[in-house]
Amino acid sequence: MALHLLKMAVGIESFDRLRVVQQARLQSGKNLGTKGELRHLTKNKPKRAHSVLDGGSIYWIIKGYICARQRIKGFGETLGRNGRPRCVIFL
């Protein structure tokens, strides 16, 4: 059974703005020579990550409403700006 994640889109005021921000991040990743994967960093990996990967999605909350859904392709690890470990959610 698939599990889904809810995430607050902090600083995003509309669905269109979320789309523009994600397209810009995707393009900047391509310009830096990476694969150009869309990703989201978060503090902790979900405890039931295997269930999330079994068809799960991330639902974006914008202005108090669930406004967007994206499939989760995988998880990874990286370091954040402060040098602390972060979970990468590949979308």
N, C-alpha and C. Protein backbone atom coordinates (compact mmCIF):
# COMPACT_ATOMS: atom_id res chain seq x y z
N MET A 1 0.85 -1.19 0.00
CA MET A 1 0.00 0.00 0.00
C MET A 1 0.89 1.24 0.00
N ALA A 2 0.62 2.14 -0.91
CA ALA A 2 1.43 3.36 -1.06
C ALA A 2 1.12 4.37 0.05
N LEU A 3 2.18 5.02 0.50
CA LEU A 3 2.04 6.13 1.44
C LEU A 3 2.36 7.41 0.70
N HIS A 4 1.76 8.49 1.13
CA HIS A 4 1.97 9.78 0.50
C HIS A 4 2.51 10.76 1.54
N LEU A 5 3.21 11.79 1.06
CA LEU A 5 3.75 12.83 1.94
C LEU A 5 3.02 14.14 1.70
N LEU A 6 2.80 14.90 2.75
CA LEU A 6 2.27 16.26 2.66
C LEU A 6 3.40 17.22 3.00
N LYS A 7 3.59 18.22 2.16
CA LYS A 7 4.65 19.20 2.41
C LYS A 7 4.08 20.60 2.21
N MET A 8 4.45 21.50 3.09
CA MET A 8 4.08 22.90 2.96
C MET A 8 5.00 23.56 1.94
N ALA A 9 4.43 24.24 0.98
CA ALA A 9 5.22 24.98 -0.01
C ALA A 9 5.42 26.39 0.55
N VAL A 10 6.41 26.53 1.42
CA VAL A 10 6.66 27.79 2.11
C VAL A 10 7.16 28.84 1.12
N GLY A 11 6.54 30.01 1.16
CA GLY A 11 6.94 31.10 0.28
C GLY A 11 6.32 31.03 -1.10
N ILE A 12 5.51 30.03 -1.35
CA ILE A 12 4.85 29.87 -2.65
C ILE A 12 3.40 30.31 -2.48
N GLU A 13 2.97 31.24 -3.35
CA GLU A 13 1.63 31.79 -3.19
C GLU A 13 0.59 31.19 -4.13
N SER A 14 1.02 30.41 -5.14
CA SER A 14 0.06 29.81 -6.07
C SER A 14 0.68 28.60 -6.75
N PHE A 15 -0.17 27.80 -7.38
CA PHE A 15 0.30 26.64 -8.13
C PHE A 15 1.23 27.07 -9.26
N ASP A 16 0.88 28.15 -9.95
CA ASP A 16 1.72 28.64 -11.05
C ASP A 16 3.11 29.03 -10.55
N ARG A 17 3.18 29.63 -9.39
CA ARG A 17 4.49 30.02 -8.81
C ARG A 17 5.32 28.78 -8.48
N LEU A 18 4.68 27.73 -7.96
CA LEU A 18 5.37 26.47 -7.68
C LEU A 18 5.96 25.91 -8.96
N ARG A 19 5.19 25.93 -10.02
CA ARG A 19 5.66 25.43 -11.31
C ARG A 19 6.86 26.22 -11.81
N VAL A 20 6.79 27.55 -11.72
CA VAL A 20 7.89 28.41 -12.18
C VAL A 20 9.15 28.16 -11.35
N VAL A 21 9.01 28.06 -10.03
CA VAL A 21 10.16 27.83 -9.16
C VAL A 21 10.80 26.48 -9.46
N GLN A 22 9.98 25.44 -9.64
CA GLN A 22 10.53 24.12 -9.92
C GLN A 22 11.20 24.07 -11.30
N GLN A 23 10.63 24.74 -12.29
CA GLN A 23 11.26 24.79 -13.61
C GLN A 23 12.61 25.50 -13.54
N ALA A 24 12.69 26.57 -12.77
CA ALA A 24 13.95 27.30 -12.61
C ALA A 24 15.00 26.42 -11.92
N ARG A 25 14.59 25.68 -10.90
CA ARG A 25 15.53 24.79 -10.20
C ARG A 25 15.99 23.66 -11.12
N LEU A 26 15.09 23.15 -11.93
CA LEU A 26 15.43 22.10 -12.87
C LEU A 26 16.44 22.61 -13.90
N GLN A 27 16.20 23.82 -14.40
CA GLN A 27 17.10 24.41 -15.38
C GLN A 27 18.46 24.73 -14.77
N SER A 28 18.48 25.24 -13.55
CA SER A 28 19.77 25.56 -12.92
C SER A 28 20.57 24.29 -12.66
N GLY A 29 19.90 23.20 -12.35
CA GLY A 29 20.59 21.92 -12.18
C GLY A 29 21.20 21.45 -13.48
N LYS A 30 20.50 21.62 -14.58
CA LYS A 30 21.03 21.23 -15.89
C LYS A 30 22.23 22.09 -16.25
N ASN A 31 22.16 23.38 -15.91
CA ASN A 31 23.27 24.29 -16.21
C ASN A 31 24.52 23.96 -15.41
N LEU A 32 24.34 23.36 -14.24
CA LEU A 32 25.49 22.99 -13.41
C LEU A 32 26.09 21.65 -13.81
N GLY A 33 25.52 21.02 -14.83
CA GLY A 33 26.07 19.76 -15.32
C GLY A 33 25.54 18.52 -14.65
N THR A 34 24.50 18.66 -13.81
CA THR A 34 23.90 17.49 -13.19
C THR A 34 22.88 16.90 -14.15
N LYS A 35 22.26 15.82 -13.74
CA LYS A 35 21.27 15.16 -14.59
C LYS A 35 20.02 16.00 -14.81
N GLY A 36 19.86 17.02 -14.02
CA GLY A 36 18.66 17.85 -14.14
C GLY A 36 17.44 17.21 -13.52
N GLU A 37 17.65 16.52 -12.39
CA GLU A 37 16.53 15.90 -11.70
C GLU A 37 15.88 16.91 -10.76
N LEU A 38 14.57 16.86 -10.69
CA LEU A 38 13.86 17.71 -9.76
C LEU A 38 13.91 17.05 -8.39
N ARG A 39 14.32 17.81 -7.37
CA ARG A 39 14.48 17.25 -6.04
C ARG A 39 14.06 18.24 -4.98
N HIS A 40 13.75 17.70 -3.82
CA HIS A 40 13.35 18.50 -2.67
C HIS A 40 14.17 18.00 -1.48
N LEU A 41 14.76 18.92 -0.73
CA LEU A 41 15.53 18.54 0.46
C LEU A 41 14.67 18.67 1.70
N THR A 42 14.81 17.72 2.59
CA THR A 42 14.10 17.75 3.86
C THR A 42 15.03 17.22 4.94
N LYS A 43 14.68 17.46 6.19
CA LYS A 43 15.54 17.07 7.30
C LYS A 43 15.69 15.56 7.44
N ASN A 44 14.58 14.85 7.43
CA ASN A 44 14.60 13.43 7.74
C ASN A 44 13.99 12.59 6.62
N LYS A 45 14.54 11.40 6.46
CA LYS A 45 13.98 10.44 5.52
C LYS A 45 12.75 9.82 6.17
N PRO A 46 11.69 9.58 5.42
CA PRO A 46 10.51 8.94 6.01
C PRO A 46 10.86 7.56 6.57
N LYS A 47 10.30 7.24 7.72
CA LYS A 47 10.59 5.95 8.35
C LYS A 47 10.09 4.79 7.51
N ARG A 48 9.03 5.02 6.76
CA ARG A 48 8.48 3.97 5.90
C ARG A 48 8.71 4.32 4.43
N ALA A 49 9.96 4.65 4.11
CA ALA A 49 10.32 5.08 2.75
C ALA A 49 9.97 4.02 1.72
N HIS A 50 10.12 2.74 2.07
CA HIS A 50 9.79 1.68 1.12
C HIS A 50 8.33 1.72 0.71
N SER A 51 7.44 2.11 1.61
CA SER A 51 6.01 2.22 1.29
C SER A 51 5.74 3.46 0.45
N VAL A 52 6.50 4.52 0.67
CA VAL A 52 6.34 5.74 -0.14
C VAL A 52 6.76 5.45 -1.58
N LEU A 53 7.82 4.67 -1.74
CA LEU A 53 8.31 4.36 -3.08
C LEU A 53 7.39 3.40 -3.84
N ASP A 54 6.47 2.79 -3.14
CA ASP A 54 5.52 1.86 -3.75
C ASP A 54 4.32 2.62 -4.32
N GLY A 55 4.59 3.65 -5.15
CA GLY A 55 3.52 4.41 -5.79
C GLY A 55 3.12 5.68 -5.05
N GLY A 56 3.90 6.11 -4.08
CA GLY A 56 3.56 7.29 -3.30
C GLY A 56 3.84 8.60 -4.01
N SER A 57 3.24 9.64 -3.52
CA SER A 57 3.38 10.98 -4.08
C SER A 57 3.62 11.99 -2.98
N ILE A 58 4.06 13.17 -3.39
CA ILE A 58 4.16 14.29 -2.47
C ILE A 58 3.04 15.25 -2.83
N TYR A 59 2.27 15.65 -1.85
CA TYR A 59 1.18 16.61 -2.05
C TYR A 59 1.62 17.94 -1.48
N TRP A 60 1.60 18.98 -2.30
CA TRP A 60 2.04 20.31 -1.90
C TRP A 60 0.87 21.11 -1.34
N ILE A 61 1.07 21.67 -0.15
CA ILE A 61 0.06 22.51 0.49
C ILE A 61 0.45 23.97 0.23
N ILE A 62 -0.45 24.69 -0.44
CA ILE A 62 -0.23 26.10 -0.77
C ILE A 62 -1.39 26.91 -0.20
N LYS A 63 -1.05 27.85 0.66
CA LYS A 63 -2.07 28.71 1.29
C LYS A 63 -3.15 27.90 1.99
N GLY A 64 -2.76 26.81 2.65
CA GLY A 64 -3.70 26.02 3.44
C GLY A 64 -4.49 24.98 2.67
N TYR A 65 -4.25 24.84 1.36
CA TYR A 65 -4.98 23.88 0.54
C TYR A 65 -4.00 22.95 -0.18
N ILE A 66 -4.39 21.70 -0.33
CA ILE A 66 -3.59 20.78 -1.12
C ILE A 66 -3.83 21.13 -2.58
N CYS A 67 -2.78 21.61 -3.25
CA CYS A 67 -2.94 22.16 -4.60
C CYS A 67 -2.19 21.40 -5.68
N ALA A 68 -1.23 20.57 -5.32
CA ALA A 68 -0.44 19.91 -6.35
C ALA A 68 0.03 18.55 -5.86
N ARG A 69 0.27 17.66 -6.81
CA ARG A 69 0.75 16.32 -6.50
C ARG A 69 1.88 15.97 -7.46
N GLN A 70 2.94 15.36 -6.93
CA GLN A 70 4.04 14.89 -7.76
C GLN A 70 4.45 13.50 -7.30
N ARG A 71 4.74 12.64 -8.24
CA ARG A 71 5.21 11.29 -7.93
C ARG A 71 6.60 11.35 -7.32
N ILE A 72 6.85 10.48 -6.38
CA ILE A 72 8.18 10.37 -5.77
C ILE A 72 8.91 9.22 -6.46
N LYS A 73 10.08 9.55 -7.01
CA LYS A 73 10.87 8.56 -7.74
C LYS A 73 11.90 7.86 -6.86
N GLY A 74 12.35 8.54 -5.82
CA GLY A 74 13.35 7.93 -4.96
C GLY A 74 13.83 8.85 -3.87
N PHE A 75 14.75 8.33 -3.06
CA PHE A 75 15.33 9.08 -1.95
C PHE A 75 16.85 9.00 -2.05
N GLY A 76 17.51 9.99 -1.50
CA GLY A 76 18.96 10.01 -1.46
C GLY A 76 19.42 10.79 -0.25
N GLU A 77 20.72 11.00 -0.17
CA GLU A 77 21.29 11.76 0.93
C GLU A 77 22.25 12.79 0.39
N THR A 78 22.32 13.93 1.06
CA THR A 78 23.25 14.99 0.70
C THR A 78 23.52 15.83 1.94
N LEU A 79 24.34 16.84 1.78
CA LEU A 79 24.60 17.78 2.86
C LEU A 79 23.88 19.09 2.55
N GLY A 80 23.27 19.68 3.55
CA GLY A 80 22.60 20.96 3.38
C GLY A 80 23.60 22.10 3.39
N ARG A 81 23.10 23.32 3.25
CA ARG A 81 23.97 24.51 3.25
C ARG A 81 24.78 24.64 4.53
N ASN A 82 24.20 24.18 5.62
CA ASN A 82 24.88 24.27 6.92
C ASN A 82 25.81 23.09 7.19
N GLY A 83 25.95 22.19 6.22
CA GLY A 83 26.83 21.04 6.38
C GLY A 83 26.20 19.85 7.07
N ARG A 84 24.94 19.95 7.42
CA ARG A 84 24.25 18.84 8.08
C ARG A 84 23.62 17.92 7.03
N PRO A 85 23.50 16.64 7.37
CA PRO A 85 22.91 15.70 6.40
C PRO A 85 21.43 16.00 6.16
N ARG A 86 21.01 15.82 4.91
CA ARG A 86 19.63 16.03 4.50
C ARG A 86 19.17 14.86 3.64
N CYS A 87 17.87 14.62 3.64
CA CYS A 87 17.26 13.63 2.77
C CYS A 87 16.86 14.32 1.48
N VAL A 88 17.16 13.69 0.35
CA VAL A 88 16.77 14.20 -0.95
C VAL A 88 15.58 13.40 -1.42
N ILE A 89 14.50 14.08 -1.79
CA ILE A 89 13.34 13.42 -2.38
C ILE A 89 13.38 13.73 -3.87
N PHE A 90 13.55 12.70 -4.69
CA PHE A 90 13.56 12.89 -6.14
C PHE A 90 12.15 12.83 -6.67
N LEU A 91 11.76 13.85 -7.42
CA LEU A 91 10.39 13.97 -7.95
C LEU A 91 10.39 13.77 -9.46
